[in-house]
Protein backbone atom coordinates (compact mmCIF):
# COMPACT_ATOMS: atom_id res chain seq x y z
CA UNK A 1 -13.42 -9.19 -35.86
CA UNK A 2 -13.58 -6.01 -37.91
CA UNK A 3 -10.66 -4.63 -39.90
CA UNK A 4 -10.27 -1.95 -37.23
CA UNK A 5 -9.72 -4.58 -34.54
CA UNK A 6 -7.34 -6.51 -36.81
CA UNK A 7 -5.26 -3.36 -37.28
CA UNK A 8 -5.25 -2.76 -33.53
CA UNK A 9 -3.98 -6.29 -32.89
CA UNK A 10 -1.28 -5.88 -35.55
CA UNK A 11 0.01 -2.60 -34.06
CA UNK A 12 0.01 -3.90 -30.49
CA UNK A 13 1.65 -7.18 -31.57
CA UNK A 14 4.40 -5.12 -33.20
CA UNK A 15 4.86 -3.30 -29.90
CA UNK A 16 5.13 -6.64 -28.11
CA UNK A 17 8.31 -7.36 -30.05
CA UNK A 18 9.98 -4.40 -28.34
CA UNK A 19 8.48 -5.40 -25.00
CA UNK A 20 10.14 -8.78 -25.44
CA UNK A 21 13.53 -7.12 -25.86
CA UNK A 22 12.92 -5.01 -22.76
CA UNK A 23 11.92 -8.12 -20.81
CA UNK A 24 15.13 -9.92 -21.77
CA UNK A 25 17.26 -7.01 -20.58
CA UNK A 26 15.06 -6.70 -17.50
CA UNK A 27 15.98 -10.28 -16.60
CA UNK A 28 19.66 -9.46 -17.05
CA UNK A 29 19.51 -6.41 -14.77
CA UNK A 30 17.46 -8.43 -12.30
CA UNK A 31 20.21 -11.04 -12.20
CA UNK A 32 22.91 -8.47 -11.40
CA UNK A 33 20.57 -6.63 -8.99
CA UNK A 34 20.63 -3.31 -10.85
CA UNK A 35 16.90 -2.66 -11.14
CA UNK A 36 17.21 1.12 -11.35
CA UNK A 37 17.80 1.04 -15.11
CA UNK A 38 14.76 -1.01 -16.22
CA UNK A 39 12.72 0.89 -13.62
CA UNK A 40 13.75 4.17 -15.24
CA UNK A 41 12.72 2.82 -18.62
CA UNK A 42 9.32 1.78 -17.26
CA UNK A 43 8.77 5.17 -15.63
CA UNK A 44 9.61 7.09 -18.81
CA UNK A 45 7.39 4.76 -20.84
CA UNK A 46 4.43 5.21 -18.49
CA UNK A 47 4.80 8.99 -18.35
CA UNK A 48 5.05 9.19 -22.14
CA UNK A 49 1.98 7.02 -22.66
CA UNK A 50 -0.04 8.86 -20.00
CA UNK A 51 0.74 12.36 -21.30
CA UNK A 52 0.28 11.61 -24.98
CA UNK A 53 -2.77 9.41 -24.42
CA UNK A 54 -4.56 12.11 -22.42
CA UNK A 55 -3.70 14.68 -25.07
CA UNK A 56 -4.82 12.39 -27.88
CA UNK A 57 -8.11 11.58 -26.16
CA UNK A 58 -8.83 15.26 -25.56
CA UNK A 59 -8.25 15.84 -29.28
CA UNK A 60 -10.69 13.06 -30.16
CA UNK A 61 -8.20 10.38 -31.22
CA UNK A 62 -9.42 6.84 -31.82
CA UNK A 63 -8.08 3.53 -30.54
CA UNK A 64 -5.63 3.20 -33.45
CA UNK A 65 -3.80 6.33 -32.31
CA UNK A 66 -3.78 5.01 -28.74
CA UNK A 67 -2.24 1.74 -29.91
CA UNK A 68 0.46 3.64 -31.80
CA UNK A 69 1.26 5.67 -28.66
CA UNK A 70 1.55 2.47 -26.62
CA UNK A 71 3.87 0.95 -29.23
CA UNK A 72 6.07 4.05 -29.34
CA UNK A 73 6.25 3.94 -25.53
CA UNK A 74 7.49 0.34 -25.73
CA UNK A 75 10.17 1.40 -28.23
CA UNK A 76 11.32 4.24 -25.95
CA UNK A 77 11.50 1.82 -23.01
CA UNK A 78 13.72 -0.58 -24.97
CA UNK A 79 16.00 2.21 -26.19
CA UNK A 80 16.54 3.48 -22.64
CA UNK A 81 17.38 0.02 -21.31
CA UNK A 82 19.69 -0.64 -24.25
CA UNK A 83 21.48 2.63 -23.61
CA UNK A 84 22.24 1.76 -19.98
CA UNK A 85 23.04 -1.87 -20.76
CA UNK A 86 26.16 -0.73 -22.62
CA UNK A 87 27.81 -0.11 -19.25
CA UNK A 88 27.56 -3.77 -18.30
CA UNK A 89 27.38 -5.95 -21.38
CA UNK A 90 28.30 -5.91 -25.06
CA UNK A 91 25.45 -7.17 -27.19
CA UNK A 92 26.59 -9.40 -30.06
CA UNK A 93 24.63 -11.58 -32.43
CA UNK A 94 25.96 -15.13 -32.57
CA UNK A 95 24.86 -18.74 -32.20
CA UNK A 96 25.86 -20.57 -29.03
CA UNK A 97 24.84 -24.22 -29.11
CA UNK A 98 25.38 -24.45 -25.36
CA UNK A 99 22.17 -22.48 -25.06
CA UNK A 100 20.27 -25.54 -26.30
CA UNK A 101 21.08 -27.34 -23.05
CA UNK A 102 19.86 -24.32 -21.12
CA UNK A 103 16.65 -24.28 -23.15
CA UNK A 104 15.98 -27.92 -22.34
CA UNK A 105 16.52 -27.42 -18.63
CA UNK A 106 14.34 -24.30 -18.67
CA UNK A 107 11.44 -25.98 -20.49
CA UNK A 108 9.41 -26.65 -17.28
CA UNK A 109 9.62 -22.94 -16.40
CA UNK A 110 8.59 -22.00 -19.93
CA UNK A 111 5.57 -24.31 -19.80
CA UNK A 112 4.64 -22.96 -16.37
CA UNK A 113 4.77 -19.39 -17.69
CA UNK A 114 2.86 -20.31 -20.85
CA UNK A 115 -0.03 -22.01 -19.09
CA UNK A 116 -0.07 -19.31 -16.41
CA UNK A 117 -0.70 -16.69 -19.10
CA UNK A 118 -3.37 -18.88 -20.71
CA UNK A 119 -5.06 -19.42 -17.35
CA UNK A 120 -4.85 -15.71 -16.54
CA UNK A 121 -6.29 -14.48 -19.87
CA UNK A 122 -8.54 -17.29 -21.10
CA UNK A 123 -11.60 -15.65 -19.52
CA UNK A 124 -11.32 -12.67 -21.88
CA UNK A 125 -11.10 -15.00 -24.88
CA UNK A 126 -14.14 -16.94 -23.71
CA UNK A 127 -16.03 -13.69 -23.07
CA UNK A 128 -15.21 -12.35 -26.53
CA UNK A 129 -16.99 -15.35 -28.06
CA UNK A 130 -20.20 -14.61 -26.14
CA UNK A 131 -20.57 -10.81 -26.07
CA UNK A 132 -19.86 -7.82 -28.36
CA UNK A 133 -16.39 -6.31 -28.62
CA UNK A 134 -17.37 -3.32 -26.46
CA UNK A 135 -18.28 -5.54 -23.50
CA UNK A 136 -14.98 -7.38 -23.77
CA UNK A 137 -13.27 -3.99 -23.71
CA UNK A 138 -15.11 -2.99 -20.53
CA UNK A 139 -14.01 -6.24 -18.92
CA UNK A 140 -10.43 -5.63 -19.98
CA UNK A 141 -10.54 -2.11 -18.55
CA UNK A 142 -11.67 -3.41 -15.17
CA UNK A 143 -8.98 -6.09 -15.32
CA UNK A 144 -6.37 -3.39 -15.71
CA UNK A 145 -7.28 -2.16 -12.23
CA UNK A 146 -6.47 -5.62 -10.90
CA UNK A 147 -3.15 -5.52 -12.75
CA UNK A 148 -2.33 -2.18 -11.10
CA UNK A 149 -3.09 -3.58 -7.64
CA UNK A 150 -0.77 -6.51 -8.35
CA UNK A 151 2.06 -4.20 -9.41
CA UNK A 152 3.59 -3.86 -5.94
CA UNK A 153 4.09 -7.61 -5.27
CA UNK A 154 5.31 -8.10 -8.84
CA UNK A 155 7.95 -5.39 -8.41
CA UNK A 156 8.98 -6.77 -5.04
CA UNK A 157 9.28 -10.26 -6.50
CA UNK A 158 11.49 -8.98 -9.30
CA UNK A 159 13.84 -7.36 -6.80
CA UNK A 160 13.94 -10.06 -4.10
CA UNK A 161 14.15 -13.26 -6.20
CA UNK A 162 17.80 -12.71 -7.22
CA UNK A 163 18.59 -12.25 -3.53
CA UNK A 164 16.91 -15.58 -2.75
CA UNK A 165 18.93 -17.25 -5.51
CA UNK A 166 22.16 -15.84 -4.06
CA UNK A 167 21.33 -17.00 -0.52
CA UNK A 168 20.10 -20.52 -1.26
CA UNK A 169 23.47 -22.13 -0.39
CA UNK A 170 23.88 -20.07 2.76
CA UNK A 171 24.22 -22.25 5.86
CA UNK A 172 23.58 -19.54 8.44
CA UNK A 173 19.83 -19.33 7.97
CA UNK A 174 20.02 -16.13 5.93
CA UNK A 175 17.62 -17.46 3.30
CA UNK A 176 15.01 -18.50 5.87
CA UNK A 177 15.35 -15.15 7.63
CA UNK A 178 14.96 -13.22 4.38
CA UNK A 179 11.97 -15.32 3.32
CA UNK A 180 10.30 -14.73 6.67
CA UNK A 181 10.80 -10.98 6.53
CA UNK A 182 9.57 -10.88 2.94
CA UNK A 183 6.41 -12.79 3.82
CA UNK A 184 5.71 -10.47 6.75
CA UNK A 185 6.16 -7.42 4.51
CA UNK A 186 3.80 -8.79 1.86
CA UNK A 187 1.18 -9.58 4.52
CA UNK A 188 1.50 -6.13 6.12
CA UNK A 189 0.97 -4.47 2.74
CA UNK A 190 -1.46 -7.00 1.28
CA UNK A 191 -4.05 -7.30 4.04
CA UNK A 192 -4.88 -3.55 4.23
CA UNK A 193 -4.97 -3.35 0.42
CA UNK A 194 -7.36 -6.31 0.23
CA UNK A 195 -9.53 -4.78 2.97
CA UNK A 196 -9.77 -1.43 1.16
CA UNK A 197 -10.67 -3.08 -2.13
CA UNK A 198 -13.34 -5.15 -0.35
CA UNK A 199 -14.82 -2.10 1.37
CA UNK A 200 -14.93 0.03 -1.78
CA UNK A 201 -15.69 -2.83 -4.19
CA UNK A 202 -19.09 -1.42 -5.17
CA UNK A 203 -17.66 2.04 -5.82
CA UNK A 204 -14.86 0.57 -7.94
CA UNK A 205 -17.36 -1.41 -10.03
CA UNK A 206 -19.57 1.64 -10.56
CA UNK A 207 -16.53 3.68 -11.56
CA UNK A 208 -15.73 1.27 -14.42
CA UNK A 209 -19.40 0.82 -15.31
């Protein structure tokens, strides 16, 4: 890759460090079922990136500036979540060797997440070895549309999974009832969405082309 692409990767990788911090706090708020705070951080981040990106593009900014805007948005997101986390938890830096046991028990979930990401993104890596950088970028842009479509079930999963975990010992059938209602909701929302994407598939492709 060119030096320009290397710089892009470096800036975005730096932003991923802050995304990792936001993700850790997101998991905490998910566990205590207080999703309004990470949601607020995400909303502010998206609005910031959208406004400044549009302005930068209108002024003729290049991809380096866009990457910096995305990274700053990730920093703002983390700062907002950190601010609200003070109401619930005191963050301290220490070493707890009990966490090693937790890491061992969580290893299957880590491997599942790792290979899921590889499976989900390996096509872009394979494509980058066969076509120019611009074509890989077009493919990534179209993939972002798929990510947007998947946003609703991802958000619902983040909210409902802690509820499932809380109900798993319930003997009154509450877990089964909640699972059934959740599945019906996903089907009601998913089938029309899939139908619309199928009907307008050609228009969507031409839009990105």
